[in-house]
Each structure stands twice: as structure tokens, then as C-alpha cells.
PDB file of N, CA and C in Angstrom:
ATOM      1  N   UNK A   1      83.101 193.405  42.322  1.00  0.00           N
ATOM      2  CA  UNK A   1      83.582 194.730  42.005  1.00  0.00           C
ATOM      3  C   UNK A   1      82.486 195.478  41.247  1.00  0.00           C
ATOM      4  N   UNK A   2      82.198 196.665  41.683  1.00  0.00           N
ATOM      5  CA  UNK A   2      81.132 197.454  41.074  1.00  0.00           C
ATOM      6  C   UNK A   2      81.603 198.035  39.749  1.00  0.00           C
ATOM      7  N   UNK A   3      80.656 198.076  38.814  1.00  0.00           N
ATOM      8  CA  UNK A   3      80.969 198.701  37.527  1.00  0.00           C
ATOM      9  C   UNK A   3      80.921 200.213  37.681  1.00  0.00           C
ATOM     10  N   UNK A   4      81.863 200.868  37.048  1.00  0.00           N
ATOM     11  CA  UNK A   4      81.837 202.327  37.064  1.00  0.00           C
ATOM     12  C   UNK A   4      81.300 202.799  35.726  1.00  0.00           C
ATOM     13  N   UNK A   5      80.446 203.780  35.772  1.00  0.00           N
ATOM     14  CA  UNK A   5      79.845 204.339  34.576  1.00  0.00           C
ATOM     15  C   UNK A   5      80.546 205.653  34.251  1.00  0.00           C
ATOM     16  N   UNK A   6      80.745 205.914  32.986  1.00  0.00           N
ATOM     17  CA  UNK A   6      81.342 207.209  32.636  1.00  0.00           C
ATOM     18  C   UNK A   6      80.340 208.334  32.921  1.00  0.00           C
ATOM     19  N   UNK A   7      80.815 209.512  33.199  1.00  0.00           N
ATOM     20  CA  UNK A   7      79.902 210.636  33.435  1.00  0.00           C
ATOM     21  C   UNK A   7      79.026 210.914  32.214  1.00  0.00           C
ATOM     22  N   UNK A   8      77.786 211.299  32.487  1.00  0.00           N
ATOM     23  CA  UNK A   8      76.847 211.649  31.424  1.00  0.00           C
ATOM     24  C   UNK A   8      76.683 213.161  31.451  1.00  0.00           C
ATOM     25  N   UNK A   9      77.115 213.787  30.401  1.00  0.00           N
ATOM     26  CA  UNK A   9      77.067 215.254  30.284  1.00  0.00           C
ATOM     27  C   UNK A   9      77.665 215.911  31.528  1.00  0.00           C
ATOM     28  N   UNK A  10      78.752 215.326  32.027  1.00  0.00           N
ATOM     29  CA  UNK A  10      79.468 215.914  33.160  1.00  0.00           C
ATOM     30  C   UNK A  10      78.912 215.535  34.525  1.00  0.00           C
ATOM     31  N   UNK A  11      77.834 214.728  34.596  1.00  0.00           N
ATOM     32  CA  UNK A  11      77.233 214.352  35.874  1.00  0.00           C
ATOM     33  C   UNK A  11      77.523 212.879  36.169  1.00  0.00           C
ATOM     34  N   UNK A  12      77.877 212.618  37.401  1.00  0.00           N
ATOM     35  CA  UNK A  12      78.063 211.234  37.829  1.00  0.00           C
ATOM     36  C   UNK A  12      76.707 210.664  38.231  1.00  0.00           C
ATOM     37  N   UNK A  13      76.282 209.617  37.558  1.00  0.00           N
ATOM     38  CA  UNK A  13      74.997 208.995  37.852  1.00  0.00           C
ATOM     39  C   UNK A  13      75.175 207.922  38.917  1.00  0.00           C
ATOM     40  N   UNK A  14      74.155 207.730  39.771  1.00  0.00           N
ATOM     41  CA  UNK A  14      74.260 206.666  40.780  1.00  0.00           C
ATOM     42  C   UNK A  14      74.224 205.293  40.110  1.00  0.00           C
ATOM     43  N   UNK A  15      74.768 204.309  40.814  1.00  0.00           N
ATOM     44  CA  UNK A  15      74.778 202.944  40.301  1.00  0.00           C
ATOM     45  C   UNK A  15      73.393 202.327  40.328  1.00  0.00           C
ATOM     46  N   UNK A  16      73.253 201.154  39.725  1.00  0.00           N
ATOM     47  CA  UNK A  16      71.956 200.474  39.726  1.00  0.00           C
ATOM     48  C   UNK A  16      71.529 200.122  41.149  1.00  0.00           C
ATOM     49  N   UNK A  17      70.246 200.176  41.393  1.00  0.00           N
ATOM     50  CA  UNK A  17      69.726 199.846  42.717  1.00  0.00           C
ATOM     51  C   UNK A  17      68.376 199.151  42.551  1.00  0.00           C
ATOM     52  N   UNK A  18      67.965 198.463  43.581  1.00  0.00           N
ATOM     53  CA  UNK A  18      66.696 197.744  43.569  1.00  0.00           C
ATOM     54  C   UNK A  18      65.574 198.703  43.943  1.00  0.00           C
ATOM     55  N   UNK A  19      64.581 198.814  43.087  1.00  0.00           N
ATOM     56  CA  UNK A  19      63.459 199.724  43.323  1.00  0.00           C
ATOM     57  C   UNK A  19      62.391 199.024  44.170  1.00  0.00           C
ATOM     58  N   UNK A  20      61.334 199.757  44.485  1.00  0.00           N
ATOM     59  CA  UNK A  20      60.235 199.202  45.263  1.00  0.00           C
ATOM     60  C   UNK A  20      59.562 198.045  44.519  1.00  0.00           C
ATOM     61  N   UNK A  21      59.391 198.197  43.214  1.00  0.00           N
ATOM     62  CA  UNK A  21      58.808 197.124  42.408  1.00  0.00           C
ATOM     63  C   UNK A  21      59.740 195.913  42.386  1.00  0.00           C
ATOM     64  N   UNK A  22      61.030 196.148  42.332  1.00  0.00           N
ATOM     65  CA  UNK A  22      61.993 195.055  42.364  1.00  0.00           C
ATOM     66  C   UNK A  22      61.940 194.290  43.670  1.00  0.00           C
ATOM     67  N   UNK A  23      61.825 195.001  44.788  1.00  0.00           N
ATOM     68  CA  UNK A  23      61.694 194.326  46.091  1.00  0.00           C
ATOM     69  C   UNK A  23      60.407 193.522  46.149  1.00  0.00           C
ATOM     70  N   UNK A  24      59.330 194.058  45.568  1.00  0.00           N
ATOM     71  CA  UNK A  24      58.063 193.334  45.547  1.00  0.00           C
ATOM     72  C   UNK A  24      58.138 192.053  44.742  1.00  0.00           C
ATOM     73  N   UNK A  25      58.773 192.133  43.571  1.00  0.00           N
ATOM     74  CA  UNK A  25      58.939 190.935  42.762  1.00  0.00           C
ATOM     75  C   UNK A  25      59.857 189.924  43.440  1.00  0.00           C
ATOM     76  N   UNK A  26      60.887 190.405  44.096  1.00  0.00           N
ATOM     77  CA  UNK A  26      61.778 189.517  44.837  1.00  0.00           C
ATOM     78  C   UNK A  26      61.022 188.808  45.956  1.00  0.00           C
ATOM     79  N   UNK A  27      60.141 189.526  46.628  1.00  0.00           N
ATOM     80  CA  UNK A  27      59.326 188.907  47.683  1.00  0.00           C
ATOM     81  C   UNK A  27      58.406 187.836  47.110  1.00  0.00           C
ATOM     82  N   UNK A  28      57.850 188.093  45.922  1.00  0.00           N
ATOM     83  CA  UNK A  28      56.982 187.094  45.297  1.00  0.00           C
ATOM     84  C   UNK A  28      57.759 185.874  44.833  1.00  0.00           C
ATOM     85  N   UNK A  29      58.897 186.095  44.198  1.00  0.00           N
ATOM     86  CA  UNK A  29      59.659 184.986  43.620  1.00  0.00           C
ATOM     87  C   UNK A  29      60.405 184.179  44.662  1.00  0.00           C
ATOM     88  N   UNK A  30      60.758 184.778  45.790  1.00  0.00           N
ATOM     89  CA  UNK A  30      61.481 184.064  46.846  1.00  0.00           C
ATOM     90  C   UNK A  30      60.559 183.743  48.012  1.00  0.00           C
ATOM     91  N   UNK A  31      59.756 184.713  48.423  1.00  0.00           N
ATOM     92  CA  UNK A  31      58.909 184.538  49.601  1.00  0.00           C
ATOM     93  C   UNK A  31      57.769 183.560  49.407  1.00  0.00           C
ATOM     94  N   UNK A  32      57.110 183.616  48.267  1.00  0.00           N
ATOM     95  CA  UNK A  32      55.970 182.724  48.030  1.00  0.00           C
ATOM     96  C   UNK A  32      56.385 181.248  47.974  1.00  0.00           C
ATOM     97  N   UNK A  33      57.440 180.880  47.249  1.00  0.00           N
ATOM     98  CA  UNK A  33      57.854 179.469  47.293  1.00  0.00           C
ATOM     99  C   UNK A  33      58.331 179.033  48.680  1.00  0.00           C
ATOM    100  N   UNK A  34      58.990 179.924  49.399  1.00  0.00           N
ATOM    101  CA  UNK A  34      59.435 179.581  50.751  1.00  0.00           C
ATOM    102  C   UNK A  34      58.234 179.354  51.660  1.00  0.00           C
ATOM    103  N   UNK A  35      57.209 180.186  51.552  1.00  0.00           N
ATOM    104  CA  UNK A  35      56.002 180.020  52.353  1.00  0.00           C
ATOM    105  C   UNK A  35      55.289 178.724  51.998  1.00  0.00           C
ATOM    106  N   UNK A  36      55.237 178.401  50.705  1.00  0.00           N
ATOM    107  CA  UNK A  36      54.615 177.145  50.284  1.00  0.00           C
ATOM    108  C   UNK A  36      55.381 175.947  50.841  1.00  0.00           C
ATOM    109  N   UNK A  37      56.707 176.013  50.838  1.00  0.00           N
ATOM    110  CA  UNK A  37      57.521 174.930  51.388  1.00  0.00           C
ATOM    111  C   UNK A  37      57.284 174.771  52.891  1.00  0.00           C
ATOM    112  N   UNK A  38      57.136 175.868  53.602  1.00  0.00           N
ATOM    113  CA  UNK A  38      56.867 175.818  55.043  1.00  0.00           C
ATOM    114  C   UNK A  38      55.506 175.186  55.306  1.00  0.00           C
ATOM    115  N   UNK A  39      54.493 175.562  54.532  1.00  0.00           N
ATOM    116  CA  UNK A  39      53.154 175.002  54.728  1.00  0.00           C
ATOM    117  C   UNK A  39      53.135 173.509  54.436  1.00  0.00           C
ATOM    118  N   UNK A  40      53.784 173.097  53.348  1.00  0.00           N
ATOM    119  CA  UNK A  40      53.818 171.674  53.001  1.00  0.00           C
ATOM    120  C   UNK A  40      54.563 170.875  54.060  1.00  0.00           C
ATOM    121  N   UNK A  41      55.686 171.383  54.558  1.00  0.00           N
ATOM    122  CA  UNK A  41      56.428 170.655  55.583  1.00  0.00           C
ATOM    123  C   UNK A  41      55.639 170.584  56.895  1.00  0.00           C
ATOM    124  N   UNK A  42      54.877 171.632  57.214  1.00  0.00           N
ATOM    125  CA  UNK A  42      54.060 171.607  58.414  1.00  0.00           C
ATOM    126  C   UNK A  42      52.946 170.559  58.290  1.00  0.00           C
ATOM    127  N   UNK A  43      52.307 170.506  57.136  1.00  0.00           N
ATOM    128  CA  UNK A  43      51.262 169.502  56.927  1.00  0.00           C
ATOM    129  C   UNK A  43      51.830 168.086  56.950  1.00  0.00           C
ATOM    130  N   UNK A  44      53.013 167.903  56.371  1.00  0.00           N
ATOM    131  CA  UNK A  44      53.656 166.597  56.396  1.00  0.00           C
ATOM    132  C   UNK A  44      54.007 166.198  57.833  1.00  0.00           C
ATOM    133  N   UNK A  45      54.497 167.135  58.609  1.00  0.00           N
ATOM    134  CA  UNK A  45      54.792 166.858  60.016  1.00  0.00           C
ATOM    135  C   UNK A  45      53.542 166.504  60.799  1.00  0.00           C
ATOM    136  N   UNK A  46      52.438 167.173  60.486  1.00  0.00           N
ATOM    137  CA  UNK A  46      51.180 166.870  61.162  1.00  0.00           C
ATOM    138  C   UNK A  46      50.701 165.464  60.828  1.00  0.00           C
ATOM    139  N   UNK A  47      50.795 165.080  59.544  1.00  0.00           N
ATOM    140  CA  UNK A  47      50.362 163.742  59.129  1.00  0.00           C
ATOM    141  C   UNK A  47      51.205 162.672  59.816  1.00  0.00           C
ATOM    142  N   UNK A  48      52.506 162.882  59.881  1.00  0.00           N
ATOM    143  CA  UNK A  48      53.393 161.910  60.532  1.00  0.00           C
ATOM    144  C   UNK A  48      53.106 161.834  62.028  1.00  0.00           C
ATOM    145  N   UNK A  49      52.920 162.969  62.679  1.00  0.00           N
ATOM    146  CA  UNK A  49      52.634 162.971  64.115  1.00  0.00           C
ATOM    147  C   UNK A  49      51.301 162.301  64.406  1.00  0.00           C
ATOM    148  N   UNK A  50      50.299 162.536  63.570  1.00  0.00           N
ATOM    149  CA  UNK A  50      48.998 161.890  63.763  1.00  0.00           C
ATOM    150  C   UNK A  50      49.093 160.382  63.561  1.00  0.00           C
ATOM    151  N   UNK A  51      49.806 159.965  62.537  1.00  0.00           N
ATOM    152  CA  UNK A  51      49.879 158.542  62.210  1.00  0.00           C
ATOM    153  C   UNK A  51      50.720 157.760  63.215  1.00  0.00           C
ATOM    154  N   UNK A  52      51.844 158.309  63.628  1.00  0.00           N
ATOM    155  CA  UNK A  52      52.770 157.559  64.483  1.00  0.00           C
ATOM    156  C   UNK A  52      52.493 157.727  65.976  1.00  0.00           C
ATOM    157  N   UNK A  53      52.182 158.951  66.396  1.00  0.00           N
ATOM    158  CA  UNK A  53      52.092 159.233  67.830  1.00  0.00           C
ATOM    159  C   UNK A  53      50.700 159.611  68.311  1.00  0.00           C
ATOM    160  N   UNK A  54      49.745 159.788  67.408  1.00  0.00           N
ATOM    161  CA  UNK A  54      48.373 160.169  67.737  1.00  0.00           C
ATOM    162  C   UNK A  54      48.313 161.448  68.575  1.00  0.00           C
ATOM    163  N   UNK A  55      49.100 162.440  68.170  1.00  0.00           N
ATOM    164  CA  UNK A  55      49.088 163.748  68.827  1.00  0.00           C
ATOM    165  C   UNK A  55      48.833 164.817  67.778  1.00  0.00           C
ATOM    166  N   UNK A  56      48.277 165.922  68.210  1.00  0.00           N
ATOM    167  CA  UNK A  56      48.046 167.040  67.313  1.00  0.00           C
ATOM    168  C   UNK A  56      49.281 167.928  67.317  1.00  0.00           C
ATOM    169  N   UNK A  57      49.761 168.250  66.127  1.00  0.00           N
ATOM    170  CA  UNK A  57      51.025 168.960  65.999  1.00  0.00           C
ATOM    171  C   UNK A  57      50.938 169.899  64.799  1.00  0.00           C
ATOM    172  N   UNK A  58      51.369 171.147  64.946  1.00  0.00           N
ATOM    173  CA  UNK A  58      51.460 172.058  63.819  1.00  0.00           C
ATOM    174  C   UNK A  58      50.331 173.064  63.771  1.00  0.00           C
ATOM    175  N   UNK A  59      50.257 173.778  62.647  1.00  0.00           N
ATOM    176  CA  UNK A  59      49.261 174.827  62.472  1.00  0.00           C
ATOM    177  C   UNK A  59      47.838 174.286  62.385  1.00  0.00           C
ATOM    178  N   UNK A  60      47.689 173.042  61.967  1.00  0.00           N
ATOM    179  CA  UNK A  60      46.344 172.459  61.813  1.00  0.00           C
ATOM    180  C   UNK A  60      45.607 172.429  63.137  1.00  0.00           C
ATOM    181  N   UNK A  61      46.315 172.238  64.223  1.00  0.00           N
ATOM    182  CA  UNK A  61      45.680 172.163  65.538  1.00  0.00           C
ATOM    183  C   UNK A  61      45.093 173.502  65.974  1.00  0.00           C
ATOM    184  N   UNK A  62      45.643 174.594  65.466  1.00  0.00           N
ATOM    185  CA  UNK A  62      45.169 175.919  65.867  1.00  0.00           C
ATOM    186  C   UNK A  62      43.979 176.393  65.034  1.00  0.00           C
ATOM    187  N   UNK A  63      43.694 175.711  63.954  1.00  0.00           N
ATOM    188  CA  UNK A  63      42.593 176.154  63.090  1.00  0.00           C
ATOM    189  C   UNK A  63      41.266 175.605  63.546  1.00  0.00           C
TER     190      UNK A  63
END
């Protein structure tokens, strides 16, 4: 349920919203760890595929 704010000097103010800086920080705090997790899992998959099946698998093969 959204909080309602009392009018300020007779004007209804808009509710809180996420600004451009807020979206940027959200991308850093959520996106960067998610990207790191994807890279680590890809490298782990490559190591397992190389060790068990002797095949090239993942982003490492494209580099």
C-alpha cells in the first residue's frame, strides 16, 4: 500500500520514485554481482568440460 503524503502548501506532491542515479546504483549493486556469478560459472563449466570430456566449452573458446 502506497503512503499518502499530506499536501504541501496546497499542492499534491508526487510519490517517491527511482531517479537515474538510483537506477545506476541498482545496476551496479545487482548487475555486477550477477555478471561475476555468470563469469565464474562459465569458467567452472569450462574446467569441468575440459577435464572430463576434453572439449572446448564456454566463452573461453571464443577468446
